Amino acid sequence: MRGVASVTALALALGFCACPAFAAADASLEFSPSSATTATSKVKPRGERQLAPAERPTLKKKTEDAALAKRTGRINMQIPERLRAILEQRIEDRIDRDTAEEKALRREAMGLLLKFVGETPKGAAEMPEALLRLGELEWEDSRDHFLDAFKKWESTPADQKSA
């Protein structure tokens, strides 16, 4: 009896597989990305959801990018050597001229603020701001004097420096 039941089940299974309706139903059970998504569906096919392998910024890559940027900048901004020397000298002269003008304007502002502070009553509303600005200008002036003295000290030979 058992053998007849298994033969019958096998025959039924073969019959269903051969049937066109079963084949169509079987095909619809298979997953395909287009069958799972529609134009309004938010579900994306698996192939479109996968992220591309991200390149990690390695030290070698960063170094290569920096070298490329440096070469590109150098190529785009090449200035002939003689012209560069002339331009560098002009730039240095302009910096020196601007620095000297800044120092002169600072001394003038300090003189005006000292005169203002001397003539204005101590309880005036403008006094705190004037004193603060005067202190800032004095600090800048002292810093410049210190830097000049340090450059002079630094340029003297070691055996001539006093302790």
N, C-alpha and C. Protein backbone atom coordinates (compact mmCIF):
# COMPACT_ATOMS: atom_id res chain seq x y z
N MET A 1 0.82 -1.17 0.00
CA MET A 1 0.00 0.00 0.00
C MET A 1 0.87 1.24 0.00
N ARG A 2 1.87 1.13 0.74
CA ARG A 2 2.76 2.26 0.83
C ARG A 2 3.41 2.56 -0.50
N GLY A 3 3.78 1.63 -1.26
CA GLY A 3 4.41 1.82 -2.56
C GLY A 3 3.47 2.46 -3.55
N VAL A 4 2.19 2.10 -3.47
CA VAL A 4 1.20 2.67 -4.38
C VAL A 4 1.01 4.15 -4.07
N ALA A 5 1.03 4.51 -2.79
CA ALA A 5 0.83 5.92 -2.41
C ALA A 5 1.99 6.77 -2.89
N SER A 6 3.20 6.25 -2.79
CA SER A 6 4.35 7.05 -3.23
C SER A 6 4.38 7.18 -4.75
N VAL A 7 3.96 6.15 -5.47
CA VAL A 7 3.90 6.21 -6.93
C VAL A 7 2.83 7.22 -7.35
N THR A 8 1.71 7.23 -6.65
CA THR A 8 0.62 8.16 -6.95
C THR A 8 1.06 9.59 -6.69
N ALA A 9 1.76 9.81 -5.60
CA ALA A 9 2.24 11.16 -5.28
C ALA A 9 3.24 11.62 -6.32
N LEU A 10 4.09 10.72 -6.78
CA LEU A 10 5.07 11.05 -7.80
C LEU A 10 4.39 11.39 -9.10
N ALA A 11 3.36 10.63 -9.45
CA ALA A 11 2.63 10.88 -10.69
C ALA A 11 1.92 12.23 -10.62
N LEU A 12 1.33 12.54 -9.49
CA LEU A 12 0.65 13.83 -9.33
C LEU A 12 1.65 14.99 -9.44
N ALA A 13 2.79 14.82 -8.82
CA ALA A 13 3.81 15.88 -8.88
C ALA A 13 4.28 16.09 -10.29
N LEU A 14 4.50 15.03 -11.03
CA LEU A 14 4.92 15.16 -12.43
C LEU A 14 3.82 15.78 -13.27
N GLY A 15 2.59 15.44 -12.97
CA GLY A 15 1.46 16.00 -13.71
C GLY A 15 1.34 17.50 -13.47
N PHE A 16 1.50 17.93 -12.24
CA PHE A 16 1.41 19.36 -11.95
C PHE A 16 2.56 20.13 -12.61
N CYS A 17 3.73 19.55 -12.62
CA CYS A 17 4.87 20.23 -13.23
C CYS A 17 4.68 20.36 -14.73
N ALA A 18 4.06 19.40 -15.34
CA ALA A 18 3.86 19.43 -16.77
C ALA A 18 2.70 20.34 -17.15
N CYS A 19 1.83 20.63 -16.23
CA CYS A 19 0.65 21.46 -16.50
C CYS A 19 1.09 22.90 -16.76
N PRO A 20 0.58 23.58 -17.84
CA PRO A 20 0.98 24.95 -18.14
C PRO A 20 0.57 25.94 -17.04
N ALA A 21 -0.56 25.73 -16.39
CA ALA A 21 -0.99 26.64 -15.34
C ALA A 21 -0.03 26.59 -14.16
N PHE A 22 0.43 25.39 -13.83
CA PHE A 22 1.36 25.25 -12.72
C PHE A 22 2.69 25.89 -13.07
N ALA A 23 3.13 25.76 -14.29
CA ALA A 23 4.38 26.35 -14.73
C ALA A 23 4.31 27.87 -14.63
N ALA A 24 3.15 28.46 -15.02
CA ALA A 24 2.98 29.91 -14.93
C ALA A 24 2.97 30.35 -13.48
N ALA A 25 2.28 29.58 -12.63
CA ALA A 25 2.23 29.93 -11.22
C ALA A 25 3.61 29.79 -10.59
N ASP A 26 4.33 28.75 -11.02
CA ASP A 26 5.67 28.53 -10.49
C ASP A 26 6.59 29.67 -10.90
N ALA A 27 6.46 30.17 -12.12
CA ALA A 27 7.30 31.26 -12.59
C ALA A 27 7.00 32.54 -11.82
N SER A 28 5.74 32.71 -11.44
CA SER A 28 5.39 33.93 -10.71
C SER A 28 5.93 33.90 -9.29
N LEU A 29 6.25 32.70 -8.79
CA LEU A 29 6.79 32.60 -7.44
C LEU A 29 8.26 32.97 -7.38
N GLU A 30 8.93 32.94 -8.52
CA GLU A 30 10.35 33.31 -8.53
C GLU A 30 10.48 34.80 -8.32
N PHE A 31 11.55 35.22 -7.64
CA PHE A 31 11.76 36.63 -7.34
C PHE A 31 12.56 37.28 -8.46
N SER A 32 12.03 38.34 -8.93
CA SER A 32 12.80 39.16 -9.86
C SER A 32 12.67 40.60 -9.39
N PRO A 33 13.71 41.40 -9.51
CA PRO A 33 13.67 42.76 -9.01
C PRO A 33 12.54 43.59 -9.62
N SER A 34 12.25 43.36 -10.89
CA SER A 34 11.22 44.16 -11.53
C SER A 34 9.83 43.80 -11.02
N SER A 35 9.64 42.51 -10.60
CA SER A 35 8.33 42.13 -10.11
C SER A 35 8.09 42.65 -8.69
N ALA A 36 9.14 42.91 -7.94
CA ALA A 36 9.00 43.36 -6.56
C ALA A 36 8.83 44.87 -6.47
N THR A 37 9.22 45.58 -7.51
CA THR A 37 9.14 47.04 -7.44
C THR A 37 8.21 47.56 -8.51
N THR A 38 7.58 48.65 -8.18
CA THR A 38 6.76 49.35 -9.15
C THR A 38 7.22 50.78 -9.19
N ALA A 39 6.60 51.58 -10.03
CA ALA A 39 7.01 52.98 -10.15
C ALA A 39 6.76 53.74 -8.85
N THR A 40 5.74 53.36 -8.10
CA THR A 40 5.42 54.08 -6.87
C THR A 40 6.02 53.43 -5.63
N SER A 41 6.62 52.28 -5.78
CA SER A 41 7.16 51.56 -4.64
C SER A 41 8.45 52.22 -4.15
N LYS A 42 8.64 52.21 -2.85
CA LYS A 42 9.86 52.74 -2.26
C LYS A 42 10.95 51.69 -2.17
N VAL A 43 10.59 50.44 -2.45
CA VAL A 43 11.55 49.35 -2.37
C VAL A 43 12.40 49.38 -3.63
N LYS A 44 13.71 49.38 -3.45
CA LYS A 44 14.62 49.41 -4.58
C LYS A 44 15.21 48.02 -4.78
N PRO A 45 15.48 47.66 -6.02
CA PRO A 45 16.12 46.37 -6.25
C PRO A 45 17.47 46.32 -5.55
N ARG A 46 17.85 45.13 -5.18
CA ARG A 46 19.04 44.93 -4.40
C ARG A 46 20.28 45.51 -5.07
N GLY A 47 20.40 45.36 -6.37
CA GLY A 47 21.57 45.84 -7.09
C GLY A 47 21.72 47.35 -7.00
N GLU A 48 20.62 48.06 -6.91
CA GLU A 48 20.69 49.51 -6.84
C GLU A 48 20.91 50.00 -5.42
N ARG A 49 20.63 49.18 -4.42
CA ARG A 49 20.81 49.59 -3.04
C ARG A 49 22.23 49.40 -2.55
N GLN A 50 23.00 48.59 -3.21
CA GLN A 50 24.34 48.30 -2.73
C GLN A 50 25.23 49.52 -2.91
N LEU A 51 26.03 49.78 -1.91
CA LEU A 51 26.96 50.90 -1.97
C LEU A 51 28.21 50.47 -2.69
N ALA A 52 28.77 51.42 -3.42
CA ALA A 52 30.04 51.14 -4.09
C ALA A 52 31.14 51.13 -3.03
N PRO A 53 32.17 50.37 -3.27
CA PRO A 53 33.25 50.34 -2.29
C PRO A 53 33.85 51.74 -2.15
N ALA A 54 33.86 52.26 -0.94
CA ALA A 54 34.36 53.62 -0.70
C ALA A 54 35.87 53.60 -0.63
N GLU A 55 36.48 54.58 -1.28
CA GLU A 55 37.93 54.70 -1.20
C GLU A 55 38.28 55.40 0.09
N ARG A 56 39.15 54.81 0.83
CA ARG A 56 39.57 55.42 2.09
C ARG A 56 40.78 56.30 1.82
N PRO A 57 40.79 57.47 2.42
CA PRO A 57 41.93 58.37 2.20
C PRO A 57 43.16 57.88 2.95
N THR A 58 44.02 57.19 2.24
CA THR A 58 45.23 56.67 2.85
C THR A 58 46.29 57.77 2.86
N LEU A 59 47.31 57.55 3.65
CA LEU A 59 48.40 58.51 3.74
C LEU A 59 49.08 58.67 2.39
N LYS A 60 49.23 57.56 1.68
CA LYS A 60 49.87 57.61 0.37
C LYS A 60 49.03 58.44 -0.60
N LYS A 61 47.72 58.24 -0.58
CA LYS A 61 46.82 58.98 -1.46
C LYS A 61 46.83 60.47 -1.12
N LYS A 62 46.81 60.79 0.17
CA LYS A 62 46.86 62.19 0.59
C LYS A 62 48.16 62.85 0.15
N THR A 63 49.27 62.13 0.27
CA THR A 63 50.57 62.66 -0.14
C THR A 63 50.60 62.90 -1.63
N GLU A 64 50.05 61.95 -2.40
CA GLU A 64 50.00 62.11 -3.85
C GLU A 64 49.13 63.29 -4.25
N ASP A 65 47.99 63.45 -3.58
CA ASP A 65 47.10 64.59 -3.89
C ASP A 65 47.78 65.92 -3.57
N ALA A 66 48.49 65.97 -2.45
CA ALA A 66 49.19 67.21 -2.07
C ALA A 66 50.29 67.53 -3.06
N ALA A 67 51.03 66.51 -3.49
CA ALA A 67 52.09 66.73 -4.47
C ALA A 67 51.52 67.19 -5.80
N LEU A 68 50.40 66.61 -6.21
CA LEU A 68 49.76 67.02 -7.45
C LEU A 68 49.29 68.47 -7.37
N ALA A 69 48.69 68.84 -6.25
CA ALA A 69 48.24 70.22 -6.08
C ALA A 69 49.42 71.19 -6.10
N LYS A 70 50.53 70.78 -5.49
CA LYS A 70 51.72 71.63 -5.47
C LYS A 70 52.29 71.80 -6.88
N ARG A 71 52.36 70.69 -7.63
CA ARG A 71 52.86 70.77 -9.00
C ARG A 71 51.95 71.63 -9.86
N THR A 72 50.65 71.44 -9.71
CA THR A 72 49.70 72.21 -10.50
C THR A 72 49.83 73.69 -10.19
N GLY A 73 49.93 74.02 -8.91
CA GLY A 73 50.09 75.41 -8.52
C GLY A 73 51.39 75.99 -9.05
N ARG A 74 52.45 75.20 -8.99
CA ARG A 74 53.74 75.65 -9.48
C ARG A 74 53.71 75.89 -10.98
N ILE A 75 53.07 74.99 -11.71
CA ILE A 75 53.02 75.12 -13.16
C ILE A 75 52.16 76.32 -13.56
N ASN A 76 51.03 76.49 -12.89
CA ASN A 76 50.14 77.59 -13.24
C ASN A 76 50.69 78.95 -12.87
N MET A 77 51.53 79.02 -11.86
CA MET A 77 51.98 80.30 -11.36
C MET A 77 53.48 80.50 -11.51
N GLN A 78 54.07 79.95 -12.53
CA GLN A 78 55.50 80.11 -12.71
C GLN A 78 55.82 81.54 -13.11
N ILE A 79 56.76 82.11 -12.41
CA ILE A 79 57.22 83.47 -12.69
C ILE A 79 58.71 83.36 -12.98
N PRO A 80 59.17 84.02 -14.02
CA PRO A 80 60.61 83.98 -14.32
C PRO A 80 61.43 84.44 -13.11
N GLU A 81 62.61 83.88 -12.97
CA GLU A 81 63.45 84.11 -11.78
C GLU A 81 63.77 85.59 -11.57
N ARG A 82 64.16 86.29 -12.62
CA ARG A 82 64.52 87.72 -12.48
C ARG A 82 63.31 88.55 -12.07
N LEU A 83 62.16 88.25 -12.68
CA LEU A 83 60.93 88.97 -12.34
C LEU A 83 60.51 88.66 -10.91
N ARG A 84 60.68 87.40 -10.49
CA ARG A 84 60.33 87.01 -9.14
C ARG A 84 61.17 87.78 -8.11
N ALA A 85 62.47 87.92 -8.38
CA ALA A 85 63.33 88.66 -7.46
C ALA A 85 62.90 90.12 -7.35
N ILE A 86 62.54 90.72 -8.47
CA ILE A 86 62.07 92.12 -8.46
C ILE A 86 60.77 92.23 -7.67
N LEU A 87 59.84 91.30 -7.92
CA LEU A 87 58.56 91.34 -7.23
C LEU A 87 58.70 91.09 -5.73
N GLU A 88 59.57 90.16 -5.36
CA GLU A 88 59.79 89.89 -3.94
C GLU A 88 60.36 91.12 -3.24
N GLN A 89 61.27 91.82 -3.92
CA GLN A 89 61.83 93.04 -3.33
C GLN A 89 60.76 94.11 -3.18
N ARG A 90 59.89 94.23 -4.18
CA ARG A 90 58.79 95.20 -4.09
C ARG A 90 57.85 94.87 -2.93
N ILE A 91 57.57 93.60 -2.78
CA ILE A 91 56.69 93.16 -1.69
C ILE A 91 57.33 93.49 -0.35
N GLU A 92 58.62 93.18 -0.19
CA GLU A 92 59.31 93.47 1.07
C GLU A 92 59.33 94.97 1.35
N ASP A 93 59.58 95.78 0.32
CA ASP A 93 59.56 97.23 0.50
C ASP A 93 58.18 97.71 0.93
N ARG A 94 57.14 97.15 0.33
CA ARG A 94 55.77 97.55 0.68
C ARG A 94 55.46 97.16 2.13
N ILE A 95 55.90 95.98 2.54
CA ILE A 95 55.67 95.55 3.92
C ILE A 95 56.39 96.48 4.89
N ASP A 96 57.65 96.81 4.58
CA ASP A 96 58.40 97.73 5.45
C ASP A 96 57.73 99.09 5.52
N ARG A 97 57.28 99.60 4.38
CA ARG A 97 56.62 100.91 4.34
C ARG A 97 55.32 100.89 5.14
N ASP A 98 54.52 99.82 4.98
CA ASP A 98 53.26 99.70 5.71
C ASP A 98 53.49 99.56 7.21
N THR A 99 54.54 98.81 7.59
CA THR A 99 54.85 98.64 9.01
C THR A 99 55.27 99.96 9.64
N ALA A 100 56.10 100.72 8.92
CA ALA A 100 56.53 102.02 9.43
C ALA A 100 55.33 102.96 9.56
N GLU A 101 54.43 102.93 8.58
CA GLU A 101 53.24 103.77 8.66
C GLU A 101 52.34 103.34 9.82
N GLU A 102 52.24 102.05 10.04
CA GLU A 102 51.44 101.55 11.16
C GLU A 102 52.00 102.03 12.50
N LYS A 103 53.33 101.98 12.64
CA LYS A 103 53.95 102.44 13.88
C LYS A 103 53.73 103.94 14.08
N ALA A 104 53.84 104.71 13.00
CA ALA A 104 53.62 106.15 13.11
C ALA A 104 52.18 106.46 13.49
N LEU A 105 51.23 105.76 12.88
CA LEU A 105 49.83 105.97 13.22
C LEU A 105 49.53 105.55 14.66
N ARG A 106 50.18 104.47 15.12
CA ARG A 106 49.99 104.03 16.49
C ARG A 106 50.50 105.09 17.47
N ARG A 107 51.69 105.65 17.19
CA ARG A 107 52.23 106.69 18.07
C ARG A 107 51.32 107.92 18.09
N GLU A 108 50.79 108.28 16.91
CA GLU A 108 49.87 109.42 16.84
C GLU A 108 48.60 109.15 17.65
N ALA A 109 48.05 107.93 17.51
CA ALA A 109 46.83 107.57 18.25
C ALA A 109 47.11 107.56 19.76
N MET A 110 48.27 107.06 20.14
CA MET A 110 48.61 107.06 21.57
C MET A 110 48.70 108.49 22.11
N GLY A 111 49.29 109.40 21.33
CA GLY A 111 49.38 110.80 21.74
C GLY A 111 48.01 111.43 21.89
N LEU A 112 47.14 111.19 20.93
CA LEU A 112 45.78 111.74 20.99
C LEU A 112 45.00 111.17 22.18
N LEU A 113 45.15 109.86 22.42
CA LEU A 113 44.44 109.25 23.55
C LEU A 113 44.98 109.77 24.89
N LEU A 114 46.29 109.95 24.98
CA LEU A 114 46.86 110.50 26.22
C LEU A 114 46.34 111.91 26.46
N LYS A 115 46.26 112.70 25.41
CA LYS A 115 45.72 114.05 25.53
C LYS A 115 44.25 114.00 25.95
N PHE A 116 43.48 113.10 25.35
CA PHE A 116 42.06 112.94 25.68
C PHE A 116 41.88 112.55 27.15
N VAL A 117 42.69 111.55 27.58
CA VAL A 117 42.58 111.06 28.95
C VAL A 117 42.97 112.18 29.94
N GLY A 118 43.97 112.99 29.57
CA GLY A 118 44.40 114.08 30.45
C GLY A 118 43.36 115.18 30.57
N GLU A 119 42.61 115.45 29.51
CA GLU A 119 41.64 116.56 29.51
C GLU A 119 40.24 116.14 29.94
N THR A 120 39.93 114.86 29.92
CA THR A 120 38.58 114.38 30.22
C THR A 120 38.46 114.06 31.70
N PRO A 121 37.31 114.41 32.32
CA PRO A 121 37.12 114.05 33.74
C PRO A 121 37.14 112.53 33.93
N LYS A 122 37.57 112.10 35.10
CA LYS A 122 37.71 110.66 35.36
C LYS A 122 36.37 109.92 35.33
N GLY A 123 35.29 110.58 35.60
CA GLY A 123 33.99 109.91 35.63
C GLY A 123 33.28 109.91 34.29
N ALA A 124 33.91 110.35 33.21
CA ALA A 124 33.25 110.41 31.91
C ALA A 124 32.95 109.01 31.38
N ALA A 125 31.87 108.90 30.61
CA ALA A 125 31.44 107.60 30.08
C ALA A 125 32.43 107.04 29.06
N GLU A 126 33.18 107.91 28.39
CA GLU A 126 34.12 107.48 27.36
C GLU A 126 35.46 107.03 27.93
N MET A 127 35.71 107.32 29.20
CA MET A 127 37.02 107.05 29.80
C MET A 127 37.41 105.56 29.78
N PRO A 128 36.54 104.62 30.16
CA PRO A 128 36.97 103.21 30.16
C PRO A 128 37.40 102.73 28.77
N GLU A 129 36.65 103.09 27.75
CA GLU A 129 37.02 102.65 26.39
C GLU A 129 38.32 103.29 25.94
N ALA A 130 38.51 104.57 26.26
CA ALA A 130 39.75 105.26 25.88
C ALA A 130 40.94 104.62 26.56
N LEU A 131 40.81 104.31 27.85
CA LEU A 131 41.92 103.67 28.57
C LEU A 131 42.21 102.27 28.03
N LEU A 132 41.15 101.54 27.66
CA LEU A 132 41.34 100.20 27.09
C LEU A 132 42.09 100.29 25.77
N ARG A 133 41.68 101.20 24.91
CA ARG A 133 42.35 101.35 23.62
C ARG A 133 43.79 101.83 23.80
N LEU A 134 44.01 102.71 24.75
CA LEU A 134 45.37 103.18 25.03
C LEU A 134 46.24 102.01 25.50
N GLY A 135 45.70 101.17 26.37
CA GLY A 135 46.43 99.99 26.83
C GLY A 135 46.76 99.04 25.68
N GLU A 136 45.81 98.83 24.77
CA GLU A 136 46.07 97.96 23.61
C GLU A 136 47.18 98.52 22.74
N LEU A 137 47.16 99.81 22.50
CA LEU A 137 48.20 100.44 21.67
C LEU A 137 49.56 100.36 22.35
N GLU A 138 49.60 100.58 23.68
CA GLU A 138 50.87 100.47 24.40
C GLU A 138 51.39 99.04 24.36
N TRP A 139 50.49 98.07 24.46
CA TRP A 139 50.91 96.66 24.40
C TRP A 139 51.51 96.35 23.02
N GLU A 140 50.83 96.79 21.95
CA GLU A 140 51.36 96.56 20.60
C GLU A 140 52.72 97.21 20.42
N ASP A 141 52.87 98.44 20.94
CA ASP A 141 54.14 99.15 20.82
C ASP A 141 55.24 98.41 21.58
N SER A 142 54.93 97.95 22.79
CA SER A 142 55.90 97.20 23.58
C SER A 142 56.27 95.89 22.91
N ARG A 143 55.30 95.23 22.32
CA ARG A 143 55.58 93.98 21.60
C ARG A 143 56.54 94.22 20.45
N ASP A 144 56.31 95.29 19.68
CA ASP A 144 57.21 95.61 18.56
C ASP A 144 58.62 95.91 19.06
N HIS A 145 58.76 96.67 20.17
CA HIS A 145 60.08 96.94 20.72
C HIS A 145 60.76 95.66 21.17
N PHE A 146 60.00 94.77 21.81
CA PHE A 146 60.56 93.49 22.25
C PHE A 146 61.04 92.67 21.06
N LEU A 147 60.22 92.57 20.00
CA LEU A 147 60.61 91.77 18.83
C LEU A 147 61.85 92.34 18.15
N ASP A 148 61.94 93.67 18.08
CA ASP A 148 63.14 94.28 17.49
C ASP A 148 64.37 93.97 18.33
N ALA A 149 64.23 94.07 19.66
CA ALA A 149 65.36 93.78 20.55
C ALA A 149 65.74 92.30 20.47
N PHE A 150 64.75 91.42 20.35
CA PHE A 150 65.03 89.99 20.27
C PHE A 150 65.75 89.65 18.97
N LYS A 151 65.34 90.26 17.85
CA LYS A 151 66.03 90.03 16.57
C LYS A 151 67.48 90.48 16.66
N LYS A 152 67.69 91.64 17.30
CA LYS A 152 69.05 92.14 17.46
C LYS A 152 69.87 91.21 18.33
N TRP A 153 69.28 90.74 19.44
CA TRP A 153 69.98 89.81 20.32
C TRP A 153 70.26 88.49 19.62
N GLU A 154 69.29 88.01 18.83
CA GLU A 154 69.43 86.73 18.13
C GLU A 154 70.52 86.78 17.07
N SER A 155 70.71 87.95 16.47
CA SER A 155 71.71 88.06 15.40
C SER A 155 73.13 88.24 15.94
N THR A 156 73.29 88.56 17.21
CA THR A 156 74.64 88.69 17.77
C THR A 156 75.25 87.32 17.99
N PRO A 157 76.57 87.20 17.82
CA PRO A 157 77.23 85.91 18.04
C PRO A 157 77.07 85.45 19.49
N ALA A 158 77.13 84.16 19.67
CA ALA A 158 76.88 83.55 20.99
C ALA A 158 77.89 84.01 22.03
N ASP A 159 79.15 84.21 21.65
CA ASP A 159 80.15 84.61 22.63
C ASP A 159 80.00 86.07 23.05
N GLN A 160 79.25 86.86 22.30
CA GLN A 160 79.05 88.27 22.64
C GLN A 160 77.73 88.51 23.37
N LYS A 161 76.89 87.51 23.50
CA LYS A 161 75.61 87.66 24.20
C LYS A 161 75.84 87.70 25.70
N SER A 162 75.17 88.61 26.36
CA SER A 162 75.28 88.67 27.82
C SER A 162 74.20 87.78 28.43
N ALA A 163 74.50 87.22 29.54
CA ALA A 163 73.57 86.30 30.19
C ALA A 163 72.47 86.98 30.84
